[in-house]
Amino acid sequence: MRVISLGAGVQSTVIVLMALRGDFDPAPDCAIFADTGWEPEGVYDNLERLKLLCRASRFPLYTISAGNIRSDVLDSVLAGKFRKVSMPLYLRDPVRDGRLRRSCTREYKIDPVRRKIRELLGLKKGQRVPKGTMVEQWLGITTDEAHRTKPTQKKWLKNAYPLIDLNMSRNDCIQWCCDNGHPIPEKSACIGCPYHASNYWVDMKKKQPEAWEDAVDFDEKIRKGKLPGVTGDAYVHRRCLPLKDIGETYAEGDQLSLFGEECEGICGT
């Protein structure tokens, strides 16, 4: 079985479009989109477009979800409904500043996709994958971010990188969309992801006012209650400053790529 892990951003969208055109041999069997419930509007618009194209080509595209990450975090902070999920929020603590451990990529993206793959294999919960079974999980990672490639640590699951095999960069994917008459997809990432660089926040503030207000509201609310086990205040921005106060004056020189920090797995693809 060959499965496309669809983030509905630039790279994974190109993989799906190439598959629909018949560019791969052997071809993938389906695509799976794990919805965190907090993607930008443009990502959901692109997903709906892909669904129509896949339906017309009778190519299975599955949408799954482990919940809404925004609601889950705020329920934990404000209502005391503890759920073991952790966004990598930045902390200003009386004793020690730091950052929360990240488990959101695994809980909302990686694990749901693997559960769906097991379902497609006809396996029940807890049932072992039969010996000799091998599934390729196609990820939308390009040559300019080859450092994100890694094994799955599952004997029955192998990560594959068709865009790297084709020697394609992210810019190549954008050009491919232009050359083939497709709109350029928006980057796939949670609206309030703490891994956004300052210039990304500034750009969101200018071009996506509704998403910006949503992120600011979330940032303010996480300090109105307390995260389980956290004594200090949590922030979405790496400088532990309220997101509403962000300005172009401290947007420069704050690129996450300098530190190699980003949402891993299939976020952002």
C-alpha atoms as a PDB file:
ATOM      1  CA  MET A   1       0.000   0.000   0.000  1.00  0.00           C
ATOM      2  CA  ARG A   2       1.177   3.513  -0.837  1.00  0.00           C
ATOM      3  CA  VAL A   3      -0.420   6.381   1.069  1.00  0.00           C
ATOM      4  CA  ILE A   4       0.014  10.136   0.603  1.00  0.00           C
ATOM      5  CA  SER A   5       0.099  11.999   3.918  1.00  0.00           C
ATOM      6  CA  LEU A   6      -1.703  15.140   2.834  1.00  0.00           C
ATOM      7  CA  GLY A   7      -1.136  18.416   4.659  1.00  0.00           C
ATOM      8  CA  ALA A   8      -2.862  20.366   1.833  1.00  0.00           C
ATOM      9  CA  GLY A   9       0.027  22.803   1.636  1.00  0.00           C
ATOM     10  CA  VAL A  10       2.216  23.342  -1.415  1.00  0.00           C
ATOM     11  CA  GLN A  11       4.277  20.161  -1.528  1.00  0.00           C
ATOM     12  CA  SER A  12       1.765  17.469  -0.608  1.00  0.00           C
ATOM     13  CA  THR A  13      -0.810  19.103  -2.901  1.00  0.00           C
ATOM     14  CA  VAL A  14       1.610  18.751  -5.811  1.00  0.00           C
ATOM     15  CA  ILE A  15       2.064  15.052  -5.002  1.00  0.00           C
ATOM     16  CA  VAL A  16      -1.701  14.508  -5.142  1.00  0.00           C
ATOM     17  CA  LEU A  17      -2.039  16.472  -8.394  1.00  0.00           C
ATOM     18  CA  MET A  18       0.823  14.516  -9.946  1.00  0.00           C
ATOM     19  CA  ALA A  19      -0.799  11.268  -8.843  1.00  0.00           C
ATOM     20  CA  LEU A  20      -4.108  12.282 -10.419  1.00  0.00           C
ATOM     21  CA  ARG A  21      -2.249  12.998 -13.652  1.00  0.00           C
ATOM     22  CA  GLY A  22      -0.654   9.550 -13.581  1.00  0.00           C
ATOM     23  CA  ASP A  23       2.924  10.728 -13.044  1.00  0.00           C
ATOM     24  CA  PHE A  24       3.885   7.949 -10.606  1.00  0.00           C
ATOM     25  CA  ASP A  25       4.545   4.306 -11.362  1.00  0.00           C
ATOM     26  CA  PRO A  26       3.671   2.536  -9.184  1.00  0.00           C
ATOM     27  CA  ALA A  27       0.866   4.908  -8.229  1.00  0.00           C
ATOM     28  CA  PRO A  28      -0.269   5.729  -4.685  1.00  0.00           C
ATOM     29  CA  ASP A  29      -3.474   4.099  -3.425  1.00  0.00           C
ATOM     30  CA  CYS A  30      -4.990   7.016  -1.496  1.00  0.00           C
ATOM     31  CA  ALA A  31      -4.359  10.262   0.381  1.00  0.00           C
ATOM     32  CA  ILE A  32      -5.089  10.976   4.053  1.00  0.00           C
ATOM     33  CA  PHE A  33      -5.587  14.455   5.518  1.00  0.00           C
ATOM     34  CA  ALA A  34      -5.377  14.746   9.317  1.00  0.00           C
ATOM     35  CA  ASP A  35      -7.342  17.836  10.347  1.00  0.00           C
ATOM     36  CA  THR A  36      -6.229  19.667  13.501  1.00  0.00           C
ATOM     37  CA  GLY A  37      -9.353  21.837  13.272  1.00  0.00           C
ATOM     38  CA  TRP A  38      -7.261  25.018  13.201  1.00  0.00           C
ATOM     39  CA  GLU A  39      -5.874  25.404   9.692  1.00  0.00           C
ATOM     40  CA  PRO A  40      -6.084  28.677   7.733  1.00  0.00           C
ATOM     41  CA  GLU A  41      -9.149  29.158   5.547  1.00  0.00           C
ATOM     42  CA  GLY A  42      -7.017  28.861   2.415  1.00  0.00           C
ATOM     43  CA  VAL A  43      -5.909  25.358   3.396  1.00  0.00           C
ATOM     44  CA  TYR A  44      -9.502  24.193   3.823  1.00  0.00           C
ATOM     45  CA  ASP A  45     -10.430  25.790   0.486  1.00  0.00           C
ATOM     46  CA  ASN A  46      -7.581  23.908  -1.176  1.00  0.00           C
ATOM     47  CA  LEU A  47      -8.628  20.681   0.531  1.00  0.00           C
ATOM     48  CA  GLU A  48     -12.162  21.004  -0.844  1.00  0.00           C
ATOM     49  CA  ARG A  49     -10.766  21.596  -4.314  1.00  0.00           C
ATOM     50  CA  LEU A  50      -8.606  18.478  -4.024  1.00  0.00           C
ATOM     51  CA  LYS A  51     -11.587  16.466  -2.840  1.00  0.00           C
ATOM     52  CA  LEU A  52     -13.502  17.395  -5.990  1.00  0.00           C
ATOM     53  CA  LEU A  53     -10.573  16.485  -8.224  1.00  0.00           C
ATOM     54  CA  CYS A  54     -10.024  13.191  -6.409  1.00  0.00           C
ATOM     55  CA  ARG A  55     -13.719  12.334  -6.548  1.00  0.00           C
ATOM     56  CA  ALA A  56     -13.741  12.955 -10.288  1.00  0.00           C
ATOM     57  CA  SER A  57     -10.734  10.656 -10.695  1.00  0.00           C
ATOM     58  CA  ARG A  58     -12.102   8.090  -8.217  1.00  0.00           C
ATOM     59  CA  PHE A  59      -8.974   8.489  -6.129  1.00  0.00           C
ATOM     60  CA  PRO A  60      -9.694   8.014  -2.402  1.00  0.00           C
ATOM     61  CA  LEU A  61      -8.984  11.042  -0.209  1.00  0.00           C
ATOM     62  CA  TYR A  62      -9.779  10.479   3.466  1.00  0.00           C
ATOM     63  CA  THR A  63     -10.212  13.265   6.033  1.00  0.00           C
ATOM     64  CA  ILE A  64      -9.707  12.276   9.659  1.00  0.00           C
ATOM     65  CA  SER A  65      -9.422  14.156  12.941  1.00  0.00           C
ATOM     66  CA  ALA A  66      -8.300  13.577  16.523  1.00  0.00           C
ATOM     67  CA  GLY A  67     -10.080  16.742  17.689  1.00  0.00           C
ATOM     68  CA  ASN A  68      -9.714  20.513  17.531  1.00  0.00           C
ATOM     69  CA  ILE A  69      -6.336  21.482  18.947  1.00  0.00           C
ATOM     70  CA  ARG A  70      -7.396  25.063  19.767  1.00  0.00           C
ATOM     71  CA  SER A  71     -10.455  23.962  21.712  1.00  0.00           C
ATOM     72  CA  ASP A  72      -8.588  21.151  23.440  1.00  0.00           C
ATOM     73  CA  VAL A  73      -5.828  23.443  24.723  1.00  0.00           C
ATOM     74  CA  LEU A  74      -8.286  26.119  25.903  1.00  0.00           C
ATOM     75  CA  ASP A  75     -10.496  23.512  27.587  1.00  0.00           C
ATOM     76  CA  SER A  76      -7.421  22.383  29.490  1.00  0.00           C
ATOM     77  CA  VAL A  77      -6.464  25.954  30.447  1.00  0.00           C
ATOM     78  CA  LEU A  78      -9.856  27.486  31.215  1.00  0.00           C
ATOM     79  CA  ALA A  79     -12.129  24.588  32.127  1.00  0.00           C
ATOM     80  CA  GLY A  80      -9.688  22.192  33.738  1.00  0.00           C
ATOM     81  CA  LYS A  81     -10.540  19.470  31.227  1.00  0.00           C
ATOM     82  CA  PHE A  82      -7.122  17.914  31.178  1.00  0.00           C
ATOM     83  CA  ARG A  83      -6.010  16.289  27.960  1.00  0.00           C
ATOM     84  CA  LYS A  84      -2.500  15.068  27.428  1.00  0.00           C
ATOM     85  CA  VAL A  85      -1.615  17.343  24.565  1.00  0.00           C
ATOM     86  CA  SER A  86       1.126  19.902  24.492  1.00  0.00           C
ATOM     87  CA  MET A  87       1.777  22.703  22.039  1.00  0.00           C
ATOM     88  CA  PRO A  88       5.357  24.049  22.169  1.00  0.00           C
ATOM     89  CA  LEU A  89       4.246  27.270  23.868  1.00  0.00           C
ATOM     90  CA  TYR A  90       6.892  29.577  25.284  1.00  0.00           C
ATOM     91  CA  LEU A  91       6.968  30.132  29.032  1.00  0.00           C
ATOM     92  CA  ARG A  92       7.856  33.053  31.242  1.00  0.00           C
ATOM     93  CA  ASP A  93       8.279  31.403  34.596  1.00  0.00           C
ATOM     94  CA  PRO A  94       9.300  32.939  37.960  1.00  0.00           C
ATOM     95  CA  VAL A  95      11.985  30.269  38.268  1.00  0.00           C
ATOM     96  CA  ARG A  96      12.988  29.402  34.725  1.00  0.00           C
ATOM     97  CA  ASP A  97      11.875  30.459  31.261  1.00  0.00           C
ATOM     98  CA  GLY A  98      11.490  27.712  28.702  1.00  0.00           C
ATOM     99  CA  ARG A  99       9.114  26.014  26.344  1.00  0.00           C
ATOM    100  CA  LEU A 100       6.538  23.282  26.706  1.00  0.00           C
ATOM    101  CA  ARG A 101       7.203  19.879  25.242  1.00  0.00           C
ATOM    102  CA  ARG A 102       5.579  19.291  21.863  1.00  0.00           C
ATOM    103  CA  SER A 103       3.229  16.352  21.420  1.00  0.00           C
ATOM    104  CA  CYS A 104       0.672  18.003  19.127  1.00  0.00           C
ATOM    105  CA  THR A 105       2.228  16.857  15.848  1.00  0.00           C
ATOM    106  CA  ARG A 106       2.090  13.254  16.932  1.00  0.00           C
ATOM    107  CA  GLU A 107      -1.362  13.406  18.552  1.00  0.00           C
ATOM    108  CA  TYR A 108      -3.160  15.353  15.816  1.00  0.00           C
ATOM    109  CA  LYS A 109      -1.218  14.362  12.691  1.00  0.00           C
ATOM    110  CA  ILE A 110       1.063  11.330  12.836  1.00  0.00           C
ATOM    111  CA  ASP A 111      -0.947   8.962  15.045  1.00  0.00           C
ATOM    112  CA  PRO A 112      -4.347   9.596  13.363  1.00  0.00           C
ATOM    113  CA  VAL A 113      -2.818   8.891   9.940  1.00  0.00           C
ATOM    114  CA  ARG A 114      -1.318   5.648  11.210  1.00  0.00           C
ATOM    115  CA  ARG A 115      -4.639   4.609  12.735  1.00  0.00           C
ATOM    116  CA  LYS A 116      -6.333   5.219   9.389  1.00  0.00           C
ATOM    117  CA  ILE A 117      -3.680   3.174   7.596  1.00  0.00           C
ATOM    118  CA  ARG A 118      -4.263   0.297  10.025  1.00  0.00           C
ATOM    119  CA  GLU A 119      -7.993   0.579   9.357  1.00  0.00           C
ATOM    120  CA  LEU A 120      -7.371   0.425   5.609  1.00  0.00           C
ATOM    121  CA  LEU A 121      -5.308  -2.706   6.204  1.00  0.00           C
ATOM    122  CA  GLY A 122      -8.354  -4.227   7.890  1.00  0.00           C
ATOM    123  CA  LEU A 123      -6.781  -4.330  11.348  1.00  0.00           C
ATOM    124  CA  LYS A 124      -8.644  -3.958  14.628  1.00  0.00           C
ATOM    125  CA  LYS A 125      -7.373  -1.964  17.603  1.00  0.00           C
ATOM    126  CA  GLY A 126      -4.426  -3.755  19.166  1.00  0.00           C
ATOM    127  CA  GLN A 127      -4.118  -6.251  16.331  1.00  0.00           C
ATOM    128  CA  ARG A 128      -0.594  -6.824  15.083  1.00  0.00           C
ATOM    129  CA  VAL A 129       0.335  -5.910  11.538  1.00  0.00           C
ATOM    130  CA  PRO A 130       0.866  -9.212   9.684  1.00  0.00           C
ATOM    131  CA  LYS A 131       4.469 -10.157   9.014  1.00  0.00           C
ATOM    132  CA  GLY A 132       5.574  -9.129   5.544  1.00  0.00           C
ATOM    133  CA  THR A 133       3.144  -6.191   5.318  1.00  0.00           C
ATOM    134  CA  MET A 134       4.775  -2.981   4.119  1.00  0.00           C
ATOM    135  CA  VAL A 135       3.158   0.427   3.685  1.00  0.00           C
ATOM    136  CA  GLU A 136       4.851   3.400   2.058  1.00  0.00           C
ATOM    137  CA  GLN A 137       3.860   6.752   3.520  1.00  0.00           C
ATOM    138  CA  TRP A 138       4.521   9.493   0.971  1.00  0.00           C
ATOM    139  CA  LEU A 139       5.486  12.808   2.585  1.00  0.00           C
ATOM    140  CA  GLY A 140       5.606  16.206   0.897  1.00  0.00           C
ATOM    141  CA  ILE A 141       9.180  17.094   1.785  1.00  0.00           C
ATOM    142  CA  THR A 142      11.393  18.765  -0.817  1.00  0.00           C
ATOM    143  CA  THR A 143      15.127  19.044  -1.418  1.00  0.00           C
ATOM    144  CA  ASP A 144      15.429  22.358   0.448  1.00  0.00           C
ATOM    145  CA  GLU A 145      14.207  20.721   3.662  1.00  0.00           C
ATOM    146  CA  ALA A 146      15.786  17.284   3.312  1.00  0.00           C
ATOM    147  CA  HIS A 147      16.863  17.508   6.974  1.00  0.00           C
ATOM    148  CA  ARG A 148      13.245  16.685   7.876  1.00  0.00           C
ATOM    149  CA  THR A 149      13.478  13.185   6.413  1.00  0.00           C
ATOM    150  CA  LYS A 150      13.557  10.433   9.018  1.00  0.00           C
ATOM    151  CA  PRO A 151      12.551   6.781   9.481  1.00  0.00           C
ATOM    152  CA  THR A 152       9.237   5.841  11.111  1.00  0.00           C
ATOM    153  CA  GLN A 153      10.543   3.304  13.670  1.00  0.00           C
ATOM    154  CA  LYS A 154       7.735   0.999  12.533  1.00  0.00           C
ATOM    155  CA  LYS A 155       8.834  -2.171  10.740  1.00  0.00           C
ATOM    156  CA  TRP A 156       5.682  -2.194   8.594  1.00  0.00           C
ATOM    157  CA  LEU A 157       5.754   1.519   7.684  1.00  0.00           C
ATOM    158  CA  LYS A 158       8.324   3.215   5.477  1.00  0.00           C
ATOM    159  CA  ASN A 159       8.512   6.934   4.758  1.00  0.00           C
ATOM    160  CA  ALA A 160       8.969   7.867   1.107  1.00  0.00           C
ATOM    161  CA  TYR A 161       9.792  11.260  -0.395  1.00  0.00           C
ATOM    162  CA  PRO A 162       8.702  11.389  -4.043  1.00  0.00           C
ATOM    163  CA  LEU A 163       9.517  15.088  -4.455  1.00  0.00           C
ATOM    164  CA  ILE A 164      13.081  14.551  -3.291  1.00  0.00           C
ATOM    165  CA  ASP A 165      13.305  11.605  -5.687  1.00  0.00           C
ATOM    166  CA  LEU A 166      12.260  14.047  -8.432  1.00  0.00           C
ATOM    167  CA  ASN A 167      14.856  16.580  -7.192  1.00  0.00           C
ATOM    168  CA  MET A 168      12.134  19.176  -6.584  1.00  0.00           C
ATOM    169  CA  SER A 169      12.382  22.128  -4.183  1.00  0.00           C
ATOM    170  CA  ARG A 170       9.447  24.040  -2.743  1.00  0.00           C
ATOM    171  CA  ASN A 171       9.955  26.699  -5.415  1.00  0.00           C
ATOM    172  CA  ASP A 172       9.876  23.966  -8.043  1.00  0.00           C
ATOM    173  CA  CYS A 173       6.503  22.877  -6.662  1.00  0.00           C
ATOM    174  CA  ILE A 174       5.181  26.435  -6.866  1.00  0.00           C
ATOM    175  CA  GLN A 175       6.412  26.686 -10.456  1.00  0.00           C
ATOM    176  CA  TRP A 176       4.807  23.311 -11.239  1.00  0.00           C
ATOM    177  CA  CYS A 177       1.444  24.653 -10.041  1.00  0.00           C
ATOM    178  CA  CYS A 178       1.839  27.747 -12.229  1.00  0.00           C
ATOM    179  CA  ASP A 179       2.892  25.726 -15.268  1.00  0.00           C
ATOM    180  CA  ASN A 180      -0.050  23.350 -14.905  1.00  0.00           C
ATOM    181  CA  GLY A 181      -2.788  25.891 -14.236  1.00  0.00           C
ATOM    182  CA  HIS A 182      -3.253  25.238 -10.533  1.00  0.00           C
ATOM    183  CA  PRO A 183      -3.511  27.917  -7.805  1.00  0.00           C
ATOM    184  CA  ILE A 184      -0.570  28.091  -5.416  1.00  0.00           C
ATOM    185  CA  PRO A 185      -1.672  26.505  -2.119  1.00  0.00           C
ATOM    186  CA  GLU A 186      -1.270  28.280   1.190  1.00  0.00           C
ATOM    187  CA  LYS A 187       1.199  26.888   3.703  1.00  0.00           C
ATOM    188  CA  SER A 188      -0.374  24.260   5.935  1.00  0.00           C
ATOM    189  CA  ALA A 189       0.137  24.997   9.636  1.00  0.00           C
ATOM    190  CA  CYS A 190      -2.073  25.665  12.625  1.00  0.00           C
ATOM    191  CA  ILE A 191      -3.129  29.310  12.825  1.00  0.00           C
ATOM    192  CA  GLY A 192      -1.606  29.727  16.273  1.00  0.00           C
ATOM    193  CA  CYS A 193       1.466  27.513  15.840  1.00  0.00           C
ATOM    194  CA  PRO A 194       4.289  28.752  18.114  1.00  0.00           C
ATOM    195  CA  TYR A 195       6.818  27.861  15.420  1.00  0.00           C
ATOM    196  CA  HIS A 196       5.712  30.762  13.225  1.00  0.00           C
ATOM    197  CA  ALA A 197       8.478  33.317  12.756  1.00  0.00           C
ATOM    198  CA  SER A 198       7.791  36.973  13.550  1.00  0.00           C
ATOM    199  CA  ASN A 199       7.632  37.941   9.895  1.00  0.00           C
ATOM    200  CA  TYR A 200       4.962  35.269   9.409  1.00  0.00           C
ATOM    201  CA  TRP A 201       2.893  36.838  12.195  1.00  0.00           C
ATOM    202  CA  VAL A 202       3.301  40.292  10.660  1.00  0.00           C
ATOM    203  CA  ASP A 203       2.233  38.939   7.281  1.00  0.00           C
ATOM    204  CA  MET A 204      -0.803  37.247   8.852  1.00  0.00           C
ATOM    205  CA  LYS A 205      -1.761  40.499  10.567  1.00  0.00           C
ATOM    206  CA  LYS A 206      -1.719  42.337   7.226  1.00  0.00           C
ATOM    207  CA  LYS A 207      -3.231  39.729   4.914  1.00  0.00           C
ATOM    208  CA  GLN A 208      -5.384  37.447   7.090  1.00  0.00           C
ATOM    209  CA  PRO A 209      -7.089  39.668   9.686  1.00  0.00           C
ATOM    210  CA  GLU A 210      -9.588  37.015  10.793  1.00  0.00           C
ATOM    211  CA  ALA A 211      -6.875  34.413  11.363  1.00  0.00           C
ATOM    212  CA  TRP A 212      -4.797  37.068  13.147  1.00  0.00           C
ATOM    213  CA  GLU A 213      -7.633  37.958  15.535  1.00  0.00           C
ATOM    214  CA  ASP A 214      -8.169  34.256  16.179  1.00  0.00           C
ATOM    215  CA  ALA A 215      -4.503  33.759  17.064  1.00  0.00           C
ATOM    216  CA  VAL A 216      -4.449  36.875  19.288  1.00  0.00           C
ATOM    217  CA  ASP A 217      -7.577  35.688  21.106  1.00  0.00           C
ATOM    218  CA  PHE A 218      -5.981  32.291  21.734  1.00  0.00           C
ATOM    219  CA  ASP A 219      -2.742  33.903  22.944  1.00  0.00           C
ATOM    220  CA  GLU A 220      -4.632  36.068  25.433  1.00  0.00           C
ATOM    221  CA  LYS A 221      -6.801  33.214  26.725  1.00  0.00           C
ATOM    222  CA  ILE A 222      -3.913  30.866  27.517  1.00  0.00           C
ATOM    223  CA  ARG A 223      -2.849  33.393  30.175  1.00  0.00           C
ATOM    224  CA  LYS A 224      -6.314  33.689  31.745  1.00  0.00           C
ATOM    225  CA  GLY A 225      -6.043  30.226  33.204  1.00  0.00           C
ATOM    226  CA  LYS A 226      -3.270  27.765  33.884  1.00  0.00           C
ATOM    227  CA  LEU A 227      -1.914  24.921  31.836  1.00  0.00           C
ATOM    228  CA  PRO A 228      -1.570  21.691  33.831  1.00  0.00           C
ATOM    229  CA  GLY A 229       1.796  21.594  35.573  1.00  0.00           C
ATOM    230  CA  VAL A 230       2.775  25.118  34.472  1.00  0.00           C
ATOM    231  CA  THR A 231       3.407  27.823  37.054  1.00  0.00           C
ATOM    232  CA  GLY A 232       4.320  30.706  34.737  1.00  0.00           C
ATOM    233  CA  ASP A 233       2.580  32.397  31.818  1.00  0.00           C
ATOM    234  CA  ALA A 234       2.477  30.839  28.359  1.00  0.00           C
ATOM    235  CA  TYR A 235       2.866  32.714  25.080  1.00  0.00           C
ATOM    236  CA  VAL A 236       2.531  31.878  21.407  1.00  0.00           C
ATOM    237  CA  HIS A 237       5.422  34.193  20.459  1.00  0.00           C
ATOM    238  CA  ARG A 238       8.994  33.070  21.128  1.00  0.00           C
ATOM    239  CA  ARG A 239       9.891  36.340  22.885  1.00  0.00           C
ATOM    240  CA  CYS A 240       7.220  35.786  25.526  1.00  0.00           C
ATOM    241  CA  LEU A 241       5.401  38.951  24.473  1.00  0.00           C
ATOM    242  CA  PRO A 242       1.654  39.292  23.847  1.00  0.00           C
ATOM    243  CA  LEU A 243       0.927  38.537  20.222  1.00  0.00           C
ATOM    244  CA  LYS A 244      -1.342  41.588  19.955  1.00  0.00           C
ATOM    245  CA  ASP A 245       1.682  43.825  20.489  1.00  0.00           C
ATOM    246  CA  ILE A 246       3.718  42.384  17.659  1.00  0.00           C
ATOM    247  CA  GLY A 247       5.115  44.932  15.239  1.00  0.00           C
ATOM    248  CA  GLU A 248       7.560  45.090  12.400  1.00  0.00           C
ATOM    249  CA  THR A 249      10.162  46.537  14.774  1.00  0.00           C
ATOM    250  CA  TYR A 250      10.937  43.107  16.207  1.00  0.00           C
ATOM    251  CA  ALA A 251      10.059  40.992  13.203  1.00  0.00           C
ATOM    252  CA  GLU A 252      13.521  41.043  11.677  1.00  0.00           C
ATOM    253  CA  GLY A 253      16.178  38.527  12.628  1.00  0.00           C
ATOM    254  CA  ASP A 254      13.676  36.130  14.160  1.00  0.00           C
ATOM    255  CA  GLN A 255      13.557  33.398  11.541  1.00  0.00           C
ATOM    256  CA  LEU A 256      12.997  29.913  12.912  1.00  0.00           C
ATOM    257  CA  SER A 257      15.053  28.431  10.110  1.00  0.00           C
ATOM    258  CA  LEU A 258      18.142  29.791  11.833  1.00  0.00           C
ATOM    259  CA  PHE A 259      17.478  27.395  14.678  1.00  0.00           C
ATOM    260  CA  GLY A 260      16.138  24.469  12.659  1.00  0.00           C
ATOM    261  CA  GLU A 261      12.855  24.666  14.515  1.00  0.00           C
ATOM    262  CA  GLU A 262       9.613  23.918  12.719  1.00  0.00           C
ATOM    263  CA  CYS A 263       6.566  21.775  12.921  1.00  0.00           C
ATOM    264  CA  GLU A 264       7.753  18.320  11.878  1.00  0.00           C
ATOM    265  CA  GLY A 265       5.930  15.283  10.606  1.00  0.00           C
ATOM    266  CA  ILE A 266       3.486  16.431   7.968  1.00  0.00           C
ATOM    267  CA  CYS A 267       2.660  19.890   9.245  1.00  0.00           C
ATOM    268  CA  GLY A 268       3.550  22.615   6.820  1.00  0.00           C
ATOM    269  CA  THR A 269       3.582  20.392   3.727  1.00  0.00           C
END
